[in-house]
Amino acid sequence: MLGNIVKVVVDRPLGSYHPKYKDIYYPINYGYIEGIIAPDGEEQDAYILGVDVPVKEFVGKVIAIIHRDDDVEEKWVVAPENVSFTKDKIMEQVRFQEKYFKSEVRM
């Protein structure tokens, strides 16, 4: 999946709050990839980096996987095709949610 072009449907746009955990603020766009089922039985979740405005959908490249040692699912990191990030920069941007898990960036 790394390097693949995917379409992310955004259900938690930049600037929104988690529907169940009201203290989790989304400083980036977050959504899912239709038709790809993750190990949790839901569609594959994805963080979108490199897009600084709220969007409803986004087509971009999978640049990394956030692997969680203490959860069944992984998160995909999607960015515009011509944009790259270091592992540290990716973790910095997804820490708002990943701080609750033992996770690492895989590229």
PDB file of N, CA and C in Angstrom:
ATOM      1  N   MET A   1       0.794  -1.195   0.000  1.00  0.00           N
ATOM      2  CA  MET A   1       0.000   0.000   0.000  1.00  0.00           C
ATOM      3  C   MET A   1       0.843   1.269   0.000  1.00  0.00           C
ATOM      4  N   LEU A   2       2.061   1.209   0.559  1.00  0.00           N
ATOM      5  CA  LEU A   2       2.932   2.392   0.493  1.00  0.00           C
ATOM      6  C   LEU A   2       3.154   2.773  -0.965  1.00  0.00           C
ATOM      7  N   GLY A   3       2.992   4.048  -1.262  1.00  0.00           N
ATOM      8  CA  GLY A   3       3.165   4.535  -2.618  1.00  0.00           C
ATOM      9  C   GLY A   3       1.895   4.512  -3.450  1.00  0.00           C
ATOM     10  N   ASN A   4       0.861   3.819  -2.979  1.00  0.00           N
ATOM     11  CA  ASN A   4      -0.397   3.761  -3.722  1.00  0.00           C
ATOM     12  C   ASN A   4      -1.137   5.091  -3.658  1.00  0.00           C
ATOM     13  N   ILE A   5      -1.887   5.378  -4.707  1.00  0.00           N
ATOM     14  CA  ILE A   5      -2.758   6.545  -4.735  1.00  0.00           C
ATOM     15  C   ILE A   5      -4.139   6.097  -4.251  1.00  0.00           C
ATOM     16  N   VAL A   6      -4.685   6.790  -3.267  1.00  0.00           N
ATOM     17  CA  VAL A   6      -5.974   6.430  -2.677  1.00  0.00           C
ATOM     18  C   VAL A   6      -6.866   7.660  -2.535  1.00  0.00           C
ATOM     19  N   LYS A   7      -8.158   7.407  -2.427  1.00  0.00           N
ATOM     20  CA  LYS A   7      -9.111   8.480  -2.151  1.00  0.00           C
ATOM     21  C   LYS A   7      -9.592   8.338  -0.712  1.00  0.00           C
ATOM     22  N   VAL A   8      -9.419   9.402   0.068  1.00  0.00           N
ATOM     23  CA  VAL A   8      -9.845   9.414   1.462  1.00  0.00           C
ATOM     24  C   VAL A   8     -11.144  10.208   1.568  1.00  0.00           C
ATOM     25  N   VAL A   9     -12.152   9.584   2.173  1.00  0.00           N
ATOM     26  CA  VAL A   9     -13.396  10.271   2.502  1.00  0.00           C
ATOM     27  C   VAL A   9     -13.211  10.839   3.901  1.00  0.00           C
ATOM     28  N   VAL A  10     -13.300  12.140   4.044  1.00  0.00           N
ATOM     29  CA  VAL A  10     -13.015  12.797   5.324  1.00  0.00           C
ATOM     30  C   VAL A  10     -14.293  12.877   6.166  1.00  0.00           C
ATOM     31  N   ASP A  11     -14.258  12.222   7.328  1.00  0.00           N
ATOM     32  CA  ASP A  11     -15.387  12.320   8.247  1.00  0.00           C
ATOM     33  C   ASP A  11     -15.045  13.141   9.489  1.00  0.00           C
ATOM     34  N   ARG A  12     -13.778  13.501   9.629  1.00  0.00           N
ATOM     35  CA  ARG A  12     -13.350  14.391  10.714  1.00  0.00           C
ATOM     36  C   ARG A  12     -12.407  15.422  10.115  1.00  0.00           C
ATOM     37  N   PRO A  13     -12.984  16.505   9.602  1.00  0.00           N
ATOM     38  CA  PRO A  13     -12.151  17.524   8.951  1.00  0.00           C
ATOM     39  C   PRO A  13     -11.296  18.303   9.935  1.00  0.00           C
ATOM     40  N   LEU A  14     -10.241  18.881   9.410  1.00  0.00           N
ATOM     41  CA  LEU A  14      -9.374  19.761  10.182  1.00  0.00           C
ATOM     42  C   LEU A  14     -10.248  20.769  10.939  1.00  0.00           C
ATOM     43  N   GLY A  15      -9.996  20.928  12.234  1.00  0.00           N
ATOM     44  CA  GLY A  15     -10.752  21.881  13.046  1.00  0.00           C
ATOM     45  C   GLY A  15     -11.947  21.291  13.767  1.00  0.00           C
ATOM     46  N   SER A  16     -12.214  19.996  13.563  1.00  0.00           N
ATOM     47  CA  SER A  16     -13.366  19.368  14.216  1.00  0.00           C
ATOM     48  C   SER A  16     -12.932  18.618  15.474  1.00  0.00           C
ATOM     49  N   TYR A  17     -13.917  18.091  16.185  1.00  0.00           N
ATOM     50  CA  TYR A  17     -13.670  17.297  17.390  1.00  0.00           C
ATOM     51  C   TYR A  17     -14.205  15.888  17.185  1.00  0.00           C
ATOM     52  N   HIS A  18     -13.608  14.941  17.899  1.00  0.00           N
ATOM     53  CA  HIS A  18     -14.045  13.547  17.827  1.00  0.00           C
ATOM     54  C   HIS A  18     -15.511  13.468  18.264  1.00  0.00           C
ATOM     55  N   PRO A  19     -16.339  12.691  17.548  1.00  0.00           N
ATOM     56  CA  PRO A  19     -17.752  12.635  17.901  1.00  0.00           C
ATOM     57  C   PRO A  19     -18.035  12.017  19.272  1.00  0.00           C
ATOM     58  N   LYS A  20     -17.186  11.112  19.731  1.00  0.00           N
ATOM     59  CA  LYS A  20     -17.409  10.453  21.016  1.00  0.00           C
ATOM     60  C   LYS A  20     -16.536  11.048  22.128  1.00  0.00           C
ATOM     61  N   TYR A  21     -15.275  11.357  21.811  1.00  0.00           N
ATOM     62  CA  TYR A  21     -14.329  11.879  22.800  1.00  0.00           C
ATOM     63  C   TYR A  21     -14.118  13.363  22.514  1.00  0.00           C
ATOM     64  N   LYS A  22     -14.930  14.185  23.127  1.00  0.00           N
ATOM     65  CA  LYS A  22     -14.996  15.619  22.797  1.00  0.00           C
ATOM     66  C   LYS A  22     -13.712  16.394  23.071  1.00  0.00           C
ATOM     67  N   ASP A  23     -12.764  15.798  23.802  1.00  0.00           N
ATOM     68  CA  ASP A  23     -11.505  16.488  24.076  1.00  0.00           C
ATOM     69  C   ASP A  23     -10.457  16.252  22.982  1.00  0.00           C
ATOM     70  N   ILE A  24     -10.771  15.397  21.992  1.00  0.00           N
ATOM     71  CA  ILE A  24      -9.822  15.145  20.905  1.00  0.00           C
ATOM     72  C   ILE A  24     -10.147  16.075  19.743  1.00  0.00           C
ATOM     73  N   TYR A  25      -9.247  17.030  19.520  1.00  0.00           N
ATOM     74  CA  TYR A  25      -9.360  18.017  18.449  1.00  0.00           C
ATOM     75  C   TYR A  25      -8.536  17.553  17.258  1.00  0.00           C
ATOM     76  N   TYR A  26      -9.059  17.697  16.057  1.00  0.00           N
ATOM     77  CA  TYR A  26      -8.375  17.267  14.841  1.00  0.00           C
ATOM     78  C   TYR A  26      -7.662  18.436  14.180  1.00  0.00           C
ATOM     79  N   PRO A  27      -6.327  18.523  14.334  1.00  0.00           N
ATOM     80  CA  PRO A  27      -5.557  19.594  13.701  1.00  0.00           C
ATOM     81  C   PRO A  27      -5.229  19.278  12.236  1.00  0.00           C
ATOM     82  N   ILE A  28      -5.640  18.089  11.785  1.00  0.00           N
ATOM     83  CA  ILE A  28      -5.454  17.665  10.387  1.00  0.00           C
ATOM     84  C   ILE A  28      -6.748  16.988   9.938  1.00  0.00           C
ATOM     85  N   ASN A  29      -6.898  16.794   8.639  1.00  0.00           N
ATOM     86  CA  ASN A  29      -8.035  16.047   8.106  1.00  0.00           C
ATOM     87  C   ASN A  29      -7.826  14.555   8.358  1.00  0.00           C
ATOM     88  N   TYR A  30      -8.928  13.853   8.661  1.00  0.00           N
ATOM     89  CA  TYR A  30      -8.867  12.433   9.007  1.00  0.00           C
ATOM     90  C   TYR A  30     -10.096  11.756   8.415  1.00  0.00           C
ATOM     91  N   GLY A  31      -9.894  10.586   7.867  1.00  0.00           N
ATOM     92  CA  GLY A  31     -11.038   9.897   7.291  1.00  0.00           C
ATOM     93  C   GLY A  31     -10.739   8.438   7.037  1.00  0.00           C
ATOM     94  N   TYR A  32     -11.353   7.913   5.985  1.00  0.00           N
ATOM     95  CA  TYR A  32     -11.230   6.486   5.697  1.00  0.00           C
ATOM     96  C   TYR A  32     -11.200   6.254   4.186  1.00  0.00           C
ATOM     97  N   ILE A  33     -10.732   5.077   3.809  1.00  0.00           N
ATOM     98  CA  ILE A  33     -10.645   4.693   2.408  1.00  0.00           C
ATOM     99  C   ILE A  33     -11.745   3.670   2.149  1.00  0.00           C
ATOM    100  N   GLU A  34     -12.709   4.061   1.330  1.00  0.00           N
ATOM    101  CA  GLU A  34     -13.830   3.185   1.030  1.00  0.00           C
ATOM    102  C   GLU A  34     -13.369   1.894   0.384  1.00  0.00           C
ATOM    103  N   GLY A  35     -13.968   0.786   0.820  1.00  0.00           N
ATOM    104  CA  GLY A  35     -13.706  -0.494   0.182  1.00  0.00           C
ATOM    105  C   GLY A  35     -12.500  -1.246   0.685  1.00  0.00           C
ATOM    106  N   ILE A  36     -11.688  -0.634   1.531  1.00  0.00           N
ATOM    107  CA  ILE A  36     -10.547  -1.345   2.114  1.00  0.00           C
ATOM    108  C   ILE A  36     -10.862  -1.560   3.592  1.00  0.00           C
ATOM    109  N   ILE A  37     -11.013  -2.827   3.977  1.00  0.00           N
ATOM    110  CA  ILE A  37     -11.405  -3.151   5.340  1.00  0.00           C
ATOM    111  C   ILE A  37     -10.157  -3.413   6.186  1.00  0.00           C
ATOM    112  N   ALA A  38     -10.074  -2.719   7.305  1.00  0.00           N
ATOM    113  CA  ALA A  38      -8.948  -2.843   8.240  1.00  0.00           C
ATOM    114  C   ALA A  38      -9.205  -4.007   9.196  1.00  0.00           C
ATOM    115  N   PRO A  39      -8.199  -4.406   9.969  1.00  0.00           N
ATOM    116  CA  PRO A  39      -8.362  -5.520  10.912  1.00  0.00           C
ATOM    117  C   PRO A  39      -9.463  -5.321  11.964  1.00  0.00           C
ATOM    118  N   ASP A  40      -9.875  -4.067  12.202  1.00  0.00           N
ATOM    119  CA  ASP A  40     -10.944  -3.838  13.175  1.00  0.00           C
ATOM    120  C   ASP A  40     -12.330  -4.042  12.564  1.00  0.00           C
ATOM    121  N   GLY A  41     -12.390  -4.417  11.264  1.00  0.00           N
ATOM    122  CA  GLY A  41     -13.659  -4.654  10.605  1.00  0.00           C
ATOM    123  C   GLY A  41     -14.286  -3.413   9.991  1.00  0.00           C
ATOM    124  N   GLU A  42     -13.671  -2.277  10.184  1.00  0.00           N
ATOM    125  CA  GLU A  42     -14.140  -1.010   9.618  1.00  0.00           C
ATOM    126  C   GLU A  42     -13.260  -0.645   8.424  1.00  0.00           C
ATOM    127  N   GLU A  43     -13.690   0.368   7.672  1.00  0.00           N
ATOM    128  CA  GLU A  43     -12.865   0.803   6.550  1.00  0.00           C
ATOM    129  C   GLU A  43     -11.569   1.435   7.059  1.00  0.00           C
ATOM    130  N   GLN A  44     -10.522   1.317   6.256  1.00  0.00           N
ATOM    131  CA  GLN A  44      -9.175   1.749   6.631  1.00  0.00           C
ATOM    132  C   GLN A  44      -9.120   3.240   6.940  1.00  0.00           C
ATOM    133  N   ASP A  45      -8.651   3.586   8.135  1.00  0.00           N
ATOM    134  CA  ASP A  45      -8.515   4.981   8.550  1.00  0.00           C
ATOM    135  C   ASP A  45      -7.260   5.602   7.951  1.00  0.00           C
ATOM    136  N   ALA A  46      -7.319   6.914   7.732  1.00  0.00           N
ATOM    137  CA  ALA A  46      -6.174   7.612   7.148  1.00  0.00           C
ATOM    138  C   ALA A  46      -6.059   9.027   7.686  1.00  0.00           C
ATOM    139  N   TYR A  47      -4.837   9.406   8.013  1.00  0.00           N
ATOM    140  CA  TYR A  47      -4.490  10.792   8.322  1.00  0.00           C
ATOM    141  C   TYR A  47      -4.095  11.453   7.004  1.00  0.00           C
ATOM    142  N   ILE A  48      -4.498  12.699   6.814  1.00  0.00           N
ATOM    143  CA  ILE A  48      -4.095  13.451   5.624  1.00  0.00           C
ATOM    144  C   ILE A  48      -3.150  14.559   6.063  1.00  0.00           C
ATOM    145  N   LEU A  49      -1.937  14.542   5.547  1.00  0.00           N
ATOM    146  CA  LEU A  49      -0.957  15.585   5.848  1.00  0.00           C
ATOM    147  C   LEU A  49      -0.716  16.427   4.601  1.00  0.00           C
ATOM    148  N   GLY A  50      -0.320  17.683   4.815  1.00  0.00           N
ATOM    149  CA  GLY A  50       0.009  18.547   3.691  1.00  0.00           C
ATOM    150  C   GLY A  50      -1.180  19.269   3.090  1.00  0.00           C
ATOM    151  N   VAL A  51      -2.323  19.192   3.744  1.00  0.00           N
ATOM    152  CA  VAL A  51      -3.530  19.896   3.310  1.00  0.00           C
ATOM    153  C   VAL A  51      -3.988  20.747   4.485  1.00  0.00           C
ATOM    154  N   ASP A  52      -3.903  22.059   4.348  1.00  0.00           N
ATOM    155  CA  ASP A  52      -4.105  22.954   5.488  1.00  0.00           C
ATOM    156  C   ASP A  52      -5.492  23.589   5.575  1.00  0.00           C
ATOM    157  N   VAL A  53      -6.452  23.041   4.849  1.00  0.00           N
ATOM    158  CA  VAL A  53      -7.841  23.502   4.921  1.00  0.00           C
ATOM    159  C   VAL A  53      -8.736  22.281   5.088  1.00  0.00           C
ATOM    160  N   PRO A  54      -9.913  22.435   5.705  1.00  0.00           N
ATOM    161  CA  PRO A  54     -10.831  21.298   5.807  1.00  0.00           C
ATOM    162  C   PRO A  54     -11.294  20.855   4.422  1.00  0.00           C
ATOM    163  N   VAL A  55     -11.331  19.541   4.202  1.00  0.00           N
ATOM    164  CA  VAL A  55     -11.796  18.985   2.927  1.00  0.00           C
ATOM    165  C   VAL A  55     -12.792  17.859   3.195  1.00  0.00           C
ATOM    166  N   LYS A  56     -13.585  17.534   2.171  1.00  0.00           N
ATOM    167  CA  LYS A  56     -14.547  16.431   2.280  1.00  0.00           C
ATOM    168  C   LYS A  56     -13.981  15.137   1.719  1.00  0.00           C
ATOM    169  N   GLU A  57     -13.105  15.277   0.716  1.00  0.00           N
ATOM    170  CA  GLU A  57     -12.429  14.144   0.100  1.00  0.00           C
ATOM    171  C   GLU A  57     -11.033  14.587  -0.294  1.00  0.00           C
ATOM    172  N   PHE A  58     -10.158  13.588  -0.432  1.00  0.00           N
ATOM    173  CA  PHE A  58      -8.797  13.912  -0.847  1.00  0.00           C
ATOM    174  C   PHE A  58      -8.193  12.710  -1.551  1.00  0.00           C
ATOM    175  N   VAL A  59      -7.555  12.954  -2.684  1.00  0.00           N
ATOM    176  CA  VAL A  59      -6.828  11.905  -3.393  1.00  0.00           C
ATOM    177  C   VAL A  59      -5.335  12.207  -3.235  1.00  0.00           C
ATOM    178  N   GLY A  60      -4.602  11.232  -2.698  1.00  0.00           N
ATOM    179  CA  GLY A  60      -3.177  11.424  -2.484  1.00  0.00           C
ATOM    180  C   GLY A  60      -2.455  10.099  -2.386  1.00  0.00           C
ATOM    181  N   LYS A  61      -1.183  10.183  -2.027  1.00  0.00           N
ATOM    182  CA  LYS A  61      -0.300   9.011  -1.977  1.00  0.00           C
ATOM    183  C   LYS A  61      -0.096   8.557  -0.532  1.00  0.00           C
ATOM    184  N   VAL A  62      -0.134   7.250  -0.319  1.00  0.00           N
ATOM    185  CA  VAL A  62       0.161   6.685   1.005  1.00  0.00           C
ATOM    186  C   VAL A  62       1.667   6.792   1.210  1.00  0.00           C
ATOM    187  N   ILE A  63       2.089   7.642   2.168  1.00  0.00           N
ATOM    188  CA  ILE A  63       3.519   7.865   2.388  1.00  0.00           C
ATOM    189  C   ILE A  63       4.057   7.153   3.620  1.00  0.00           C
ATOM    190  N   ALA A  64       3.156   6.674   4.488  1.00  0.00           N
ATOM    191  CA  ALA A  64       3.604   5.991   5.709  1.00  0.00           C
ATOM    192  C   ALA A  64       2.440   5.216   6.314  1.00  0.00           C
ATOM    193  N   ILE A  65       2.797   4.313   7.212  1.00  0.00           N
ATOM    194  CA  ILE A  65       1.821   3.556   7.991  1.00  0.00           C
ATOM    195  C   ILE A  65       2.131   3.820   9.457  1.00  0.00           C
ATOM    196  N   ILE A  66       1.106   4.137  10.227  1.00  0.00           N
ATOM    197  CA  ILE A  66       1.273   4.256  11.678  1.00  0.00           C
ATOM    198  C   ILE A  66       0.914   2.888  12.254  1.00  0.00           C
ATOM    199  N   HIS A  67       1.921   2.177  12.731  1.00  0.00           N
ATOM    200  CA  HIS A  67       1.721   0.846  13.319  1.00  0.00           C
ATOM    201  C   HIS A  67       1.534   1.000  14.822  1.00  0.00           C
ATOM    202  N   ARG A  68       0.480   0.391  15.322  1.00  0.00           N
ATOM    203  CA  ARG A  68       0.198   0.416  16.764  1.00  0.00           C
ATOM    204  C   ARG A  68       0.484  -0.956  17.356  1.00  0.00           C
ATOM    205  N   ASP A  69       1.381  -0.995  18.338  1.00  0.00           N
ATOM    206  CA  ASP A  69       1.689  -2.258  19.012  1.00  0.00           C
ATOM    207  C   ASP A  69       0.554  -2.713  19.918  1.00  0.00           C
ATOM    208  N   ASP A  70      -0.264  -1.769  20.378  1.00  0.00           N
ATOM    209  CA  ASP A  70      -1.306  -2.073  21.355  1.00  0.00           C
ATOM    210  C   ASP A  70      -2.718  -1.888  20.797  1.00  0.00           C
ATOM    211  N   ASP A  71      -2.886  -2.089  19.492  1.00  0.00           N
ATOM    212  CA  ASP A  71      -4.193  -1.968  18.860  1.00  0.00           C
ATOM    213  C   ASP A  71      -4.211  -2.881  17.636  1.00  0.00           C
ATOM    214  N   VAL A  72      -5.396  -3.283  17.185  1.00  0.00           N
ATOM    215  CA  VAL A  72      -5.486  -4.186  16.037  1.00  0.00           C
ATOM    216  C   VAL A  72      -5.347  -3.472  14.706  1.00  0.00           C
ATOM    217  N   GLU A  73      -5.539  -2.171  14.701  1.00  0.00           N
ATOM    218  CA  GLU A  73      -5.504  -1.470  13.428  1.00  0.00           C
ATOM    219  C   GLU A  73      -4.278  -0.591  13.261  1.00  0.00           C
ATOM    220  N   GLU A  74      -4.000  -0.295  12.004  1.00  0.00           N
ATOM    221  CA  GLU A  74      -2.954   0.650  11.653  1.00  0.00           C
ATOM    222  C   GLU A  74      -3.626   1.827  10.960  1.00  0.00           C
ATOM    223  N   LYS A  75      -2.983   2.955  10.957  1.00  0.00           N
ATOM    224  CA  LYS A  75      -3.484   4.143  10.264  1.00  0.00           C
ATOM    225  C   LYS A  75      -2.576   4.413   9.080  1.00  0.00           C
ATOM    226  N   TRP A  76      -3.150   4.775   7.950  1.00  0.00           N
ATOM    227  CA  TRP A  76      -2.369   5.153   6.788  1.00  0.00           C
ATOM    228  C   TRP A  76      -2.176   6.654   6.801  1.00  0.00           C
ATOM    229  N   VAL A  77      -1.037   7.102   6.323  1.00  0.00           N
ATOM    230  CA  VAL A  77      -0.746   8.535   6.212  1.00  0.00           C
ATOM    231  C   VAL A  77      -0.732   8.862   4.720  1.00  0.00           C
ATOM    232  N   VAL A  78      -1.606   9.797   4.330  1.00  0.00           N
ATOM    233  CA  VAL A  78      -1.774  10.160   2.928  1.00  0.00           C
ATOM    234  C   VAL A  78      -1.401  11.627   2.756  1.00  0.00           C
ATOM    235  N   ALA A  79      -0.695  11.928   1.681  1.00  0.00           N
ATOM    236  CA  ALA A  79      -0.246  13.295   1.412  1.00  0.00           C
ATOM    237  C   ALA A  79      -0.318  13.566  -0.086  1.00  0.00           C
ATOM    238  N   PRO A  80      -0.270  14.848  -0.481  1.00  0.00           N
ATOM    239  CA  PRO A  80      -0.182  15.150  -1.910  1.00  0.00           C
ATOM    240  C   PRO A  80       1.031  14.430  -2.510  1.00  0.00           C
ATOM    241  N   GLU A  81       0.932  14.048  -3.771  1.00  0.00           N
ATOM    242  CA  GLU A  81       1.979  13.247  -4.415  1.00  0.00           C
ATOM    243  C   GLU A  81       3.362  13.873  -4.363  1.00  0.00           C
ATOM    244  N   ASN A  82       3.466  15.181  -4.404  1.00  0.00           N
ATOM    245  CA  ASN A  82       4.779  15.840  -4.465  1.00  0.00           C
ATOM    246  C   ASN A  82       5.266  16.326  -3.100  1.00  0.00           C
ATOM    247  N   VAL A  83       4.638  15.863  -2.021  1.00  0.00           N
ATOM    248  CA  VAL A  83       4.998  16.324  -0.679  1.00  0.00           C
ATOM    249  C   VAL A  83       5.541  15.150   0.125  1.00  0.00           C
ATOM    250  N   SER A  84       6.618  15.391   0.877  1.00  0.00           N
ATOM    251  CA  SER A  84       7.164  14.339   1.742  1.00  0.00           C
ATOM    252  C   SER A  84       7.371  14.877   3.148  1.00  0.00           C
ATOM    253  N   PHE A  85       7.412  13.965   4.087  1.00  0.00           N
ATOM    254  CA  PHE A  85       7.603  14.296   5.500  1.00  0.00           C
ATOM    255  C   PHE A  85       8.573  13.290   6.106  1.00  0.00           C
ATOM    256  N   THR A  86       9.297  13.712   7.114  1.00  0.00           N
ATOM    257  CA  THR A  86      10.144  12.785   7.864  1.00  0.00           C
ATOM    258  C   THR A  86       9.265  12.012   8.851  1.00  0.00           C
ATOM    259  N   LYS A  87       9.802  10.919   9.369  1.00  0.00           N
ATOM    260  CA  LYS A  87       9.076  10.162  10.392  1.00  0.00           C
ATOM    261  C   LYS A  87       8.731  11.051  11.583  1.00  0.00           C
ATOM    262  N   ASP A  88       9.692  11.871  12.009  1.00  0.00           N
ATOM    263  CA  ASP A  88       9.459  12.751  13.160  1.00  0.00           C
ATOM    264  C   ASP A  88       8.355  13.756  12.884  1.00  0.00           C
ATOM    265  N   LYS A  89       8.341  14.334  11.699  1.00  0.00           N
ATOM    266  CA  LYS A  89       7.315  15.319  11.341  1.00  0.00           C
ATOM    267  C   LYS A  89       5.939  14.664  11.266  1.00  0.00           C
ATOM    268  N   ILE A  90       5.882  13.439  10.740  1.00  0.00           N
ATOM    269  CA  ILE A  90       4.610  12.715  10.700  1.00  0.00           C
ATOM    270  C   ILE A  90       4.104  12.480  12.109  1.00  0.00           C
ATOM    271  N   MET A  91       4.958  11.959  12.986  1.00  0.00           N
ATOM    272  CA  MET A  91       4.525  11.666  14.349  1.00  0.00           C
ATOM    273  C   MET A  91       4.097  12.939  15.079  1.00  0.00           C
ATOM    274  N   GLU A  92       4.798  14.018  14.836  1.00  0.00           N
ATOM    275  CA  GLU A  92       4.439  15.297  15.448  1.00  0.00           C
ATOM    276  C   GLU A  92       3.005  15.699  15.062  1.00  0.00           C
ATOM    277  N   GLN A  93       2.629  15.467  13.815  1.00  0.00           N
ATOM    278  CA  GLN A  93       1.307  15.887  13.346  1.00  0.00           C
ATOM    279  C   GLN A  93       0.177  14.941  13.748  1.00  0.00           C
ATOM    280  N   VAL A  94       0.495  13.679  14.038  1.00  0.00           N
ATOM    281  CA  VAL A  94      -0.556  12.730  14.422  1.00  0.00           C
ATOM    282  C   VAL A  94      -0.558  12.432  15.924  1.00  0.00           C
ATOM    283  N   ARG A  95       0.336  13.069  16.644  1.00  0.00           N
ATOM    284  CA  ARG A  95       0.452  12.812  18.084  1.00  0.00           C
ATOM    285  C   ARG A  95      -0.851  13.101  18.848  1.00  0.00           C
ATOM    286  N   PHE A  96      -1.659  14.036  18.356  1.00  0.00           N
ATOM    287  CA  PHE A  96      -2.914  14.378  19.028  1.00  0.00           C
ATOM    288  C   PHE A  96      -3.762  13.132  19.298  1.00  0.00           C
ATOM    289  N   GLN A  97      -3.644  12.127  18.453  1.00  0.00           N
ATOM    290  CA  GLN A  97      -4.389  10.882  18.643  1.00  0.00           C
ATOM    291  C   GLN A  97      -3.479   9.714  19.006  1.00  0.00           C
ATOM    292  N   GLU A  98      -2.297   9.672  18.438  1.00  0.00           N
ATOM    293  CA  GLU A  98      -1.385   8.550  18.677  1.00  0.00           C
ATOM    294  C   GLU A  98      -0.786   8.556  20.080  1.00  0.00           C
ATOM    295  N   LYS A  99      -0.906   9.663  20.809  1.00  0.00           N
ATOM    296  CA  LYS A  99      -0.374   9.698  22.177  1.00  0.00           C
ATOM    297  C   LYS A  99      -1.072   8.696  23.091  1.00  0.00           C
ATOM    298  N   TYR A 100      -2.219   8.207  22.667  1.00  0.00           N
ATOM    299  CA  TYR A 100      -2.970   7.229  23.461  1.00  0.00           C
ATOM    300  C   TYR A 100      -2.530   5.790  23.169  1.00  0.00           C
ATOM    301  N   PHE A 101      -1.606   5.602  22.236  1.00  0.00           N
ATOM    302  CA  PHE A 101      -1.191   4.273  21.803  1.00  0.00           C
ATOM    303  C   PHE A 101       0.332   4.179  21.771  1.00  0.00           C
ATOM    304  N   LYS A 102       0.833   2.945  21.748  1.00  0.00           N
ATOM    305  CA  LYS A 102       2.254   2.720  21.515  1.00  0.00           C
ATOM    306  C   LYS A 102       2.395   2.525  20.012  1.00  0.00           C
ATOM    307  N   SER A 103       2.801   3.589  19.327  1.00  0.00           N
ATOM    308  CA  SER A 103       2.812   3.527  17.872  1.00  0.00           C
ATOM    309  C   SER A 103       4.128   4.004  17.300  1.00  0.00           C
ATOM    310  N   GLU A 104       4.372   3.611  16.040  1.00  0.00           N
ATOM    311  CA  GLU A 104       5.573   4.020  15.329  1.00  0.00           C
ATOM    312  C   GLU A 104       5.216   4.272  13.871  1.00  0.00           C
ATOM    313  N   VAL A 105       6.010   5.123  13.232  1.00  0.00           N
ATOM    314  CA  VAL A 105       5.832   5.445  11.814  1.00  0.00           C
ATOM    315  C   VAL A 105       6.680   4.470  11.006  1.00  0.00           C
ATOM    316  N   ARG A 106       6.044   3.825  10.041  1.00  0.00           N
ATOM    317  CA  ARG A 106       6.763   2.947   9.124  1.00  0.00           C
ATOM    318  C   ARG A 106       6.654   3.511   7.718  1.00  0.00           C
ATOM    319  N   MET A 107       7.826   3.586   7.060  1.00  0.00           N
ATOM    320  CA  MET A 107       7.859   4.165   5.716  1.00  0.00           C
ATOM    321  C   MET A 107       8.503   3.197   4.730  1.00  0.00           C
TER     322      MET A 107
END
